[in-house]
PDB file of N, CA and C in Angstrom:
ATOM      1  N   MET A   1       0.764  -1.166  -0.108  1.00  0.00           N
ATOM      2  CA  MET A   1      -0.132   0.044   0.003  1.00  0.00           C
ATOM      3  C   MET A   1       1.043   1.236  -0.061  1.00  0.00           C
ATOM      4  N   GLU A   2       0.587   2.219  -0.802  1.00  0.00           N
ATOM      5  CA  GLU A   2       1.392   3.301  -1.011  1.00  0.00           C
ATOM      6  C   GLU A   2       0.855   4.556  -0.160  1.00  0.00           C
ATOM      7  N   THR A   3       1.569   5.319   0.377  1.00  0.00           N
ATOM      8  CA  THR A   3       1.038   6.441   1.177  1.00  0.00           C
ATOM      9  C   THR A   3       1.679   7.761   0.685  1.00  0.00           C
ATOM     10  N   TYR A   4       0.785   8.615   0.421  1.00  0.00           N
ATOM     11  CA  TYR A   4       1.236   9.922  -0.234  1.00  0.00           C
ATOM     12  C   TYR A   4       1.034  11.074   0.890  1.00  0.00           C
ATOM     13  N   ILE A   5       1.987  11.697   1.009  1.00  0.00           N
ATOM     14  CA  ILE A   5       1.893  12.837   1.905  1.00  0.00           C
ATOM     15  C   ILE A   5       1.700  14.192   1.083  1.00  0.00           C
ATOM     16  N   ASN A   6       0.494  14.969   1.163  1.00  0.00           N
ATOM     17  CA  ASN A   6       0.237  16.075   0.539  1.00  0.00           C
ATOM     18  C   ASN A   6       0.875  17.305   1.358  1.00  0.00           C
ATOM     19  N   LEU A   7       1.952  17.838   0.769  1.00  0.00           N
ATOM     20  CA  LEU A   7       2.647  18.956   1.321  1.00  0.00           C
ATOM     21  C   LEU A   7       2.274  20.107   0.638  1.00  0.00           C
ATOM     22  N   TYR A   8       1.626  21.015   1.389  1.00  0.00           N
ATOM     23  CA  TYR A   8       1.356  22.322   0.727  1.00  0.00           C
ATOM     24  C   TYR A   8       2.560  23.369   1.092  1.00  0.00           C
ATOM     25  N   ILE A   9       3.101  23.930  -0.042  1.00  0.00           N
ATOM     26  CA  ILE A   9       4.088  24.836  -0.005  1.00  0.00           C
ATOM     27  C   ILE A   9       3.488  26.263  -0.652  1.00  0.00           C
ATOM     28  N   SER A  10       3.644  27.254   0.251  1.00  0.00           N
ATOM     29  CA  SER A  10       2.913  28.526  -0.524  1.00  0.00           C
ATOM     30  C   SER A  10       3.717  28.910  -1.607  1.00  0.00           C
ATOM     31  N   PRO A  11       3.218  29.741  -2.460  1.00  0.00           N
ATOM     32  CA  PRO A  11       3.850  30.189  -3.788  1.00  0.00           C
ATOM     33  C   PRO A  11       5.163  30.927  -3.598  1.00  0.00           C
ATOM     34  N   THR A  12       5.105  31.886  -2.568  1.00  0.00           N
ATOM     35  CA  THR A  12       6.286  32.511  -2.362  1.00  0.00           C
ATOM     36  C   THR A  12       7.438  31.687  -1.747  1.00  0.00           C
ATOM     37  N   ALA A  13       7.013  30.421  -0.849  1.00  0.00           N
ATOM     38  CA  ALA A  13       8.138  29.735  -0.340  1.00  0.00           C
ATOM     39  C   ALA A  13       8.585  28.776  -1.518  1.00  0.00           C
ATOM     40  N   HIS A  14       7.652  28.481  -2.375  1.00  0.00           N
ATOM     41  CA  HIS A  14       8.091  27.722  -3.632  1.00  0.00           C
ATOM     42  C   HIS A  14       9.070  28.454  -4.523  1.00  0.00           C
ATOM     43  N   GLN A  15       8.736  29.822  -4.647  1.00  0.00           N
ATOM     44  CA  GLN A  15       9.582  30.589  -5.555  1.00  0.00           C
ATOM     45  C   GLN A  15      10.880  30.798  -4.711  1.00  0.00           C
ATOM     46  N   ARG A  16      11.064  30.870  -3.584  1.00  0.00           N
ATOM     47  CA  ARG A  16      12.263  31.106  -2.921  1.00  0.00           C
ATOM     48  C   ARG A  16      12.924  29.890  -2.835  1.00  0.00           C
ATOM     49  N   LEU A  17      12.359  28.740  -2.491  1.00  0.00           N
ATOM     50  CA  LEU A  17      13.093  27.459  -2.704  1.00  0.00           C
ATOM     51  C   LEU A  17      13.615  27.090  -4.165  1.00  0.00           C
ATOM     52  N   SER A  18      12.872  27.516  -5.189  1.00  0.00           N
ATOM     53  CA  SER A  18      13.341  27.278  -6.483  1.00  0.00           C
ATOM     54  C   SER A  18      14.404  28.161  -6.889  1.00  0.00           C
ATOM     55  N   GLN A  19      14.531  29.445  -6.326  1.00  0.00           N
ATOM     56  CA  GLN A  19      15.577  30.360  -6.687  1.00  0.00           C
ATOM     57  C   GLN A  19      16.757  29.926  -5.929  1.00  0.00           C
ATOM     58  N   ALA A  20      16.625  29.430  -4.585  1.00  0.00           N
ATOM     59  CA  ALA A  20      17.716  28.847  -3.788  1.00  0.00           C
ATOM     60  C   ALA A  20      18.430  27.710  -4.681  1.00  0.00           C
ATOM     61  N   VAL A  21      17.671  26.862  -5.112  1.00  0.00           N
ATOM     62  CA  VAL A  21      18.286  25.608  -5.857  1.00  0.00           C
ATOM     63  C   VAL A  21      18.689  26.018  -7.074  1.00  0.00           C
ATOM     64  N   ARG A  22      18.223  26.926  -7.743  1.00  0.00           N
ATOM     65  CA  ARG A  22      18.853  27.605  -9.021  1.00  0.00           C
ATOM     66  C   ARG A  22      20.158  28.306  -8.752  1.00  0.00           C
ATOM     67  N   GLY A  23      20.056  29.094  -7.721  1.00  0.00           N
ATOM     68  CA  GLY A  23      21.310  29.718  -7.227  1.00  0.00           C
ATOM     69  C   GLY A  23      22.357  28.848  -6.858  1.00  0.00           C
ATOM     70  N   PHE A  24      22.128  27.737  -6.187  1.00  0.00           N
ATOM     71  CA  PHE A  24      23.100  26.646  -5.876  1.00  0.00           C
ATOM     72  C   PHE A  24      23.551  26.015  -7.161  1.00  0.00           C
ATOM     73  N   CYS A  25      22.783  25.773  -8.077  1.00  0.00           N
ATOM     74  CA  CYS A  25      23.287  25.035  -9.316  1.00  0.00           C
ATOM     75  C   CYS A  25      24.364  25.926 -10.128  1.00  0.00           C
ATOM     76  N   VAL A  26      23.731  27.260 -10.051  1.00  0.00           N
ATOM     77  CA  VAL A  26      24.719  28.234 -10.843  1.00  0.00           C
ATOM     78  C   VAL A  26      25.997  28.394 -10.189  1.00  0.00           C
ATOM     79  N   LEU A  27      25.918  28.317  -8.778  1.00  0.00           N
ATOM     80  CA  LEU A  27      27.099  28.546  -7.837  1.00  0.00           C
ATOM     81  C   LEU A  27      28.132  27.352  -8.288  1.00  0.00           C
ATOM     82  N   SER A  28      27.413  26.175  -8.223  1.00  0.00           N
ATOM     83  CA  SER A  28      28.144  25.029  -8.348  1.00  0.00           C
ATOM     84  C   SER A  28      28.817  24.917  -9.666  1.00  0.00           C
ATOM     85  N   ALA A  29      28.185  25.344 -10.743  1.00  0.00           N
ATOM     86  CA  ALA A  29      28.692  25.645 -12.076  1.00  0.00           C
ATOM     87  C   ALA A  29      29.858  26.485 -12.021  1.00  0.00           C
ATOM     88  N   TYR A  30      29.733  27.608 -11.449  1.00  0.00           N
ATOM     89  CA  TYR A  30      30.723  28.561 -11.451  1.00  0.00           C
ATOM     90  C   TYR A  30      31.909  28.039 -10.713  1.00  0.00           C
ATOM     91  N   GLN A  31      31.755  27.399  -9.568  1.00  0.00           N
ATOM     92  CA  GLN A  31      32.823  26.822  -8.861  1.00  0.00           C
ATOM     93  C   GLN A  31      33.519  25.674  -9.687  1.00  0.00           C
ATOM     94  N   THR A  32      32.786  24.909 -10.528  1.00  0.00           N
ATOM     95  CA  THR A  32      33.439  23.947 -11.327  1.00  0.00           C
ATOM     96  C   THR A  32      34.209  24.565 -12.505  1.00  0.00           C
ATOM     97  N   ALA A  33      33.709  25.563 -13.035  1.00  0.00           N
ATOM     98  CA  ALA A  33      34.372  26.373 -14.067  1.00  0.00           C
ATOM     99  C   ALA A  33      35.571  26.887 -13.588  1.00  0.00           C
ATOM    100  N   TYR A  34      35.644  27.505 -12.497  1.00  0.00           N
ATOM    101  CA  TYR A  34      36.600  28.159 -11.643  1.00  0.00           C
ATOM    102  C   TYR A  34      37.772  27.040 -11.479  1.00  0.00           C
ATOM    103  N   GLN A  35      37.232  25.912 -10.959  1.00  0.00           N
ATOM    104  CA  GLN A  35      38.264  24.708 -10.622  1.00  0.00           C
ATOM    105  C   GLN A  35      39.085  24.432 -12.003  1.00  0.00           C
ATOM    106  N   ILE A  36      38.166  24.366 -12.964  1.00  0.00           N
ATOM    107  CA  ILE A  36      38.816  23.945 -14.358  1.00  0.00           C
ATOM    108  C   ILE A  36      39.837  24.981 -14.917  1.00  0.00           C
ATOM    109  N   ALA A  37      39.268  26.241 -14.789  1.00  0.00           N
ATOM    110  CA  ALA A  37      40.207  27.234 -15.105  1.00  0.00           C
ATOM    111  C   ALA A  37      41.493  27.359 -14.497  1.00  0.00           C
ATOM    112  N   TYR A  38      41.370  27.190 -13.153  1.00  0.00           N
ATOM    113  CA  TYR A  38      42.525  27.268 -12.183  1.00  0.00           C
ATOM    114  C   TYR A  38      43.485  26.235 -12.433  1.00  0.00           C
ATOM    115  N   PHE A  39      42.877  24.889 -12.798  1.00  0.00           N
ATOM    116  CA  PHE A  39      43.692  23.742 -13.021  1.00  0.00           C
ATOM    117  C   PHE A  39      44.586  24.071 -14.376  1.00  0.00           C
ATOM    118  N   PHE A  40      43.916  24.443 -15.513  1.00  0.00           N
ATOM    119  CA  PHE A  40      44.622  24.996 -16.632  1.00  0.00           C
ATOM    120  C   PHE A  40      45.532  25.990 -16.569  1.00  0.00           C
ATOM    121  N   VAL A  41      45.197  26.943 -15.829  1.00  0.00           N
ATOM    122  CA  VAL A  41      46.042  28.049 -15.508  1.00  0.00           C
ATOM    123  C   VAL A  41      47.338  27.771 -14.824  1.00  0.00           C
ATOM    124  N   TYR A  42      47.179  26.863 -13.870  1.00  0.00           N
ATOM    125  CA  TYR A  42      48.122  26.352 -13.030  1.00  0.00           C
ATOM    126  C   TYR A  42      49.120  25.645 -13.790  1.00  0.00           C
ATOM    127  N   ARG A  43      48.611  24.672 -14.715  1.00  0.00           N
ATOM    128  CA  ARG A  43      49.425  23.775 -15.629  1.00  0.00           C
ATOM    129  C   ARG A  43      50.188  24.622 -16.689  1.00  0.00           C
ATOM    130  N   LEU A  44      49.375  25.585 -17.193  1.00  0.00           N
ATOM    131  CA  LEU A  44      50.198  26.475 -18.192  1.00  0.00           C
ATOM    132  C   LEU A  44      51.396  27.321 -17.488  1.00  0.00           C
ATOM    133  N   ARG A  45      51.043  27.800 -16.157  1.00  0.00           N
ATOM    134  CA  ARG A  45      51.997  28.581 -15.505  1.00  0.00           C
ATOM    135  C   ARG A  45      53.270  27.576 -15.218  1.00  0.00           C
ATOM    136  N   ASN A  46      53.113  26.330 -14.823  1.00  0.00           N
ATOM    137  CA  ASN A  46      54.159  25.473 -14.436  1.00  0.00           C
ATOM    138  C   ASN A  46      54.977  25.155 -15.823  1.00  0.00           C
ATOM    139  N   PHE A  47      54.184  24.980 -16.868  1.00  0.00           N
ATOM    140  CA  PHE A  47      54.743  24.490 -18.211  1.00  0.00           C
ATOM    141  C   PHE A  47      55.794  25.844 -18.668  1.00  0.00           C
ATOM    142  N   PHE A  48      55.300  27.126 -18.424  1.00  0.00           N
ATOM    143  CA  PHE A  48      56.122  28.218 -18.748  1.00  0.00           C
ATOM    144  C   PHE A  48      57.368  28.348 -17.861  1.00  0.00           C
ATOM    145  N   LEU A  49      57.197  28.122 -16.616  1.00  0.00           N
ATOM    146  CA  LEU A  49      58.158  28.260 -15.456  1.00  0.00           C
ATOM    147  C   LEU A  49      59.292  27.039 -15.878  1.00  0.00           C
ATOM    148  N   ARG A  50      58.747  25.985 -16.210  1.00  0.00           N
ATOM    149  CA  ARG A  50      59.673  24.875 -16.487  1.00  0.00           C
ATOM    150  C   ARG A  50      60.502  25.224 -17.767  1.00  0.00           C
ATOM    151  N   SER A  51      59.698  25.656 -18.703  1.00  0.00           N
ATOM    152  CA  SER A  51      60.412  26.049 -20.131  1.00  0.00           C
ATOM    153  C   SER A  51      61.452  27.139 -19.815  1.00  0.00           C
ATOM    154  N   PHE A  52      61.067  28.206 -19.165  1.00  0.00           N
ATOM    155  CA  PHE A  52      62.153  29.382 -18.758  1.00  0.00           C
ATOM    156  C   PHE A  52      63.387  28.563 -18.034  1.00  0.00           C
ATOM    157  N   ARG A  53      63.077  27.818 -17.040  1.00  0.00           N
ATOM    158  CA  ARG A  53      64.058  27.401 -16.197  1.00  0.00           C
ATOM    159  C   ARG A  53      64.974  26.434 -17.145  1.00  0.00           C
ATOM    160  N   LEU A  54      64.453  25.568 -18.030  1.00  0.00           N
ATOM    161  CA  LEU A  54      65.353  24.846 -18.967  1.00  0.00           C
ATOM    162  C   LEU A  54      66.004  25.718 -19.900  1.00  0.00           C
ATOM    163  N   GLY A  55      65.389  26.940 -20.317  1.00  0.00           N
ATOM    164  CA  GLY A  55      66.098  27.810 -21.105  1.00  0.00           C
ATOM    165  C   GLY A  55      67.259  28.354 -20.423  1.00  0.00           C
ATOM    166  N   ARG A  56      67.165  28.780 -19.150  1.00  0.00           N
ATOM    167  CA  ARG A  56      68.217  29.368 -18.453  1.00  0.00           C
ATOM    168  C   ARG A  56      69.327  28.161 -18.233  1.00  0.00           C
ATOM    169  N   ILE A  57      68.840  27.019 -17.973  1.00  0.00           N
ATOM    170  CA  ILE A  57      70.031  25.923 -17.782  1.00  0.00           C
ATOM    171  C   ILE A  57      70.650  25.799 -19.164  1.00  0.00           C
ATOM    172  N   PHE A  58      70.009  25.740 -20.292  1.00  0.00           N
ATOM    173  CA  PHE A  58      70.638  25.719 -21.700  1.00  0.00           C
ATOM    174  C   PHE A  58      71.436  26.792 -21.901  1.00  0.00           C
ATOM    175  N   ALA A  59      71.100  28.038 -21.544  1.00  0.00           N
ATOM    176  CA  ALA A  59      71.854  29.247 -21.870  1.00  0.00           C
ATOM    177  C   ALA A  59      73.083  29.146 -21.078  1.00  0.00           C
ATOM    178  N   ASP A  60      72.888  28.752 -19.774  1.00  0.00           N
ATOM    179  CA  ASP A  60      74.061  28.614 -18.879  1.00  0.00           C
ATOM    180  C   ASP A  60      75.222  27.538 -19.423  1.00  0.00           C
ATOM    181  N   GLN A  61      74.669  26.466 -20.032  1.00  0.00           N
ATOM    182  CA  GLN A  61      75.524  25.548 -20.525  1.00  0.00           C
ATOM    183  C   GLN A  61      76.182  26.073 -21.790  1.00  0.00           C
ATOM    184  N   ASP A  62      75.532  26.906 -22.660  1.00  0.00           N
ATOM    185  CA  ASP A  62      76.032  27.591 -23.665  1.00  0.00           C
ATOM    186  C   ASP A  62      77.115  28.518 -23.442  1.00  0.00           C
ATOM    187  N   ALA A  63      76.858  29.199 -22.348  1.00  0.00           N
ATOM    188  CA  ALA A  63      77.797  30.248 -21.792  1.00  0.00           C
ATOM    189  C   ALA A  63      79.220  29.513 -21.489  1.00  0.00           C
ATOM    190  N   GLN A  64      78.983  28.429 -20.620  1.00  0.00           N
ATOM    191  CA  GLN A  64      79.994  27.686 -20.173  1.00  0.00           C
ATOM    192  C   GLN A  64      80.815  27.168 -21.428  1.00  0.00           C
ATOM    193  N   SER A  65      80.137  26.521 -22.428  1.00  0.00           N
ATOM    194  CA  SER A  65      80.870  26.047 -23.500  1.00  0.00           C
ATOM    195  C   SER A  65      81.700  27.114 -24.300  1.00  0.00           C
ATOM    196  N   PHE A  66      80.980  28.143 -24.534  1.00  0.00           N
ATOM    197  CA  PHE A  66      81.468  29.359 -25.180  1.00  0.00           C
ATOM    198  C   PHE A  66      82.876  29.849 -24.411  1.00  0.00           C
ATOM    199  N   ALA A  67      82.697  29.697 -23.095  1.00  0.00           N
ATOM    200  CA  ALA A  67      83.884  30.339 -22.338  1.00  0.00           C
ATOM    201  C   ALA A  67      85.104  29.363 -22.404  1.00  0.00           C
ATOM    202  N   GLN A  68      84.630  28.055 -22.411  1.00  0.00           N
ATOM    203  CA  GLN A  68      85.737  26.894 -22.751  1.00  0.00           C
ATOM    204  C   GLN A  68      86.235  27.131 -23.929  1.00  0.00           C
ATOM    205  N   TYR A  69      85.533  27.239 -25.008  1.00  0.00           N
ATOM    206  CA  TYR A  69      86.078  27.558 -26.359  1.00  0.00           C
ATOM    207  C   TYR A  69      86.851  28.788 -26.412  1.00  0.00           C
ATOM    208  N   GLU A  70      86.454  29.818 -25.653  1.00  0.00           N
ATOM    209  CA  GLU A  70      87.385  31.092 -25.685  1.00  0.00           C
ATOM    210  C   GLU A  70      88.841  30.595 -25.166  1.00  0.00           C
ATOM    211  N   ILE A  71      88.692  30.120 -24.077  1.00  0.00           N
ATOM    212  CA  ILE A  71      89.980  29.902 -23.234  1.00  0.00           C
ATOM    213  C   ILE A  71      90.703  28.869 -24.040  1.00  0.00           C
ATOM    214  N   GLN A  72      90.101  27.796 -24.782  1.00  0.00           N
ATOM    215  CA  GLN A  72      90.954  26.828 -25.474  1.00  0.00           C
ATOM    216  C   GLN A  72      91.614  27.534 -26.728  1.00  0.00           C
ATOM    217  N   SER A  73      90.755  28.554 -27.398  1.00  0.00           N
ATOM    218  CA  SER A  73      91.426  29.061 -28.538  1.00  0.00           C
ATOM    219  C   SER A  73      92.532  30.091 -28.063  1.00  0.00           C
ATOM    220  N   TRP A  74      92.353  30.798 -26.941  1.00  0.00           N
ATOM    221  CA  TRP A  74      93.301  31.657 -26.532  1.00  0.00           C
ATOM    222  C   TRP A  74      94.648  30.845 -26.064  1.00  0.00           C
ATOM    223  N   GLN A  75      94.463  29.922 -25.560  1.00  0.00           N
ATOM    224  CA  GLN A  75      95.721  28.977 -25.347  1.00  0.00           C
ATOM    225  C   GLN A  75      96.404  28.437 -26.478  1.00  0.00           C
ATOM    226  N   ASP A  76      95.554  28.034 -27.456  1.00  0.00           N
ATOM    227  CA  ASP A  76      96.008  27.677 -28.787  1.00  0.00           C
ATOM    228  C   ASP A  76      96.826  28.729 -29.324  1.00  0.00           C
ATOM    229  N   LEU A  77      96.314  30.069 -29.324  1.00  0.00           N
ATOM    230  CA  LEU A  77      96.871  31.231 -29.804  1.00  0.00           C
ATOM    231  C   LEU A  77      98.278  31.346 -29.259  1.00  0.00           C
ATOM    232  N   GLN A  78      98.289  31.244 -27.931  1.00  0.00           N
ATOM    233  CA  GLN A  78      99.519  31.498 -27.278  1.00  0.00           C
ATOM    234  C   GLN A  78     100.627  30.557 -27.456  1.00  0.00           C
ATOM    235  N   ALA A  79     100.117  29.102 -27.576  1.00  0.00           N
ATOM    236  CA  ALA A  79     100.969  28.204 -27.905  1.00  0.00           C
ATOM    237  C   ALA A  79     101.559  28.359 -29.335  1.00  0.00           C
ATOM    238  N   SER A  80     100.659  28.962 -30.360  1.00  0.00           N
ATOM    239  CA  SER A  80     101.382  29.184 -31.615  1.00  0.00           C
ATOM    240  C   SER A  80     102.349  30.255 -31.720  1.00  0.00           C
ATOM    241  N   PHE A  81     102.032  31.221 -30.883  1.00  0.00           N
ATOM    242  CA  PHE A  81     103.034  32.438 -30.586  1.00  0.00           C
ATOM    243  C   PHE A  81     104.426  31.929 -30.157  1.00  0.00           C
ATOM    244  N   HIS A  82     104.206  31.105 -29.098  1.00  0.00           N
ATOM    245  CA  HIS A  82     105.518  30.431 -28.547  1.00  0.00           C
ATOM    246  C   HIS A  82     106.235  29.615 -29.375  1.00  0.00           C
ATOM    247  N   ARG A  83     105.515  28.944 -30.308  1.00  0.00           N
ATOM    248  CA  ARG A  83     106.269  28.111 -31.240  1.00  0.00           C
ATOM    249  C   ARG A  83     107.030  28.952 -32.260  1.00  0.00           C
ATOM    250  N   SER A  84     106.131  30.016 -32.790  1.00  0.00           N
ATOM    251  CA  SER A  84     106.782  30.750 -33.913  1.00  0.00           C
ATOM    252  C   SER A  84     107.988  31.753 -33.276  1.00  0.00           C
ATOM    253  N   ALA A  85     108.063  31.870 -32.006  1.00  0.00           N
ATOM    254  CA  ALA A  85     109.031  32.674 -31.305  1.00  0.00           C
ATOM    255  C   ALA A  85     110.327  31.784 -31.224  1.00  0.00           C
ATOM    256  N   GLN A  86     110.094  30.516 -31.112  1.00  0.00           N
ATOM    257  CA  GLN A  86     111.305  29.752 -31.007  1.00  0.00           C
ATOM    258  C   GLN A  86     111.902  29.326 -32.384  1.00  0.00           C
TER     259      GLN A  86
END
């Protein structure tokens, strides 16, 4: 046997309740959109930071190798001067 409870809600209460439910749905949609946007912005930020960090590492390695090349070429030049002087 099924029992039904007839619940009377006044029109103003029904309107307020539906507005509250609609507001909650909109708020949760905004919150979800914010979380998704925050996730992608965070990932993008980390990607660029990692890229710049790798760029700095490669630039440092290039500078070190160029300095080694300069030192080596200067030493070769000095050695050739010494050989020509003898």
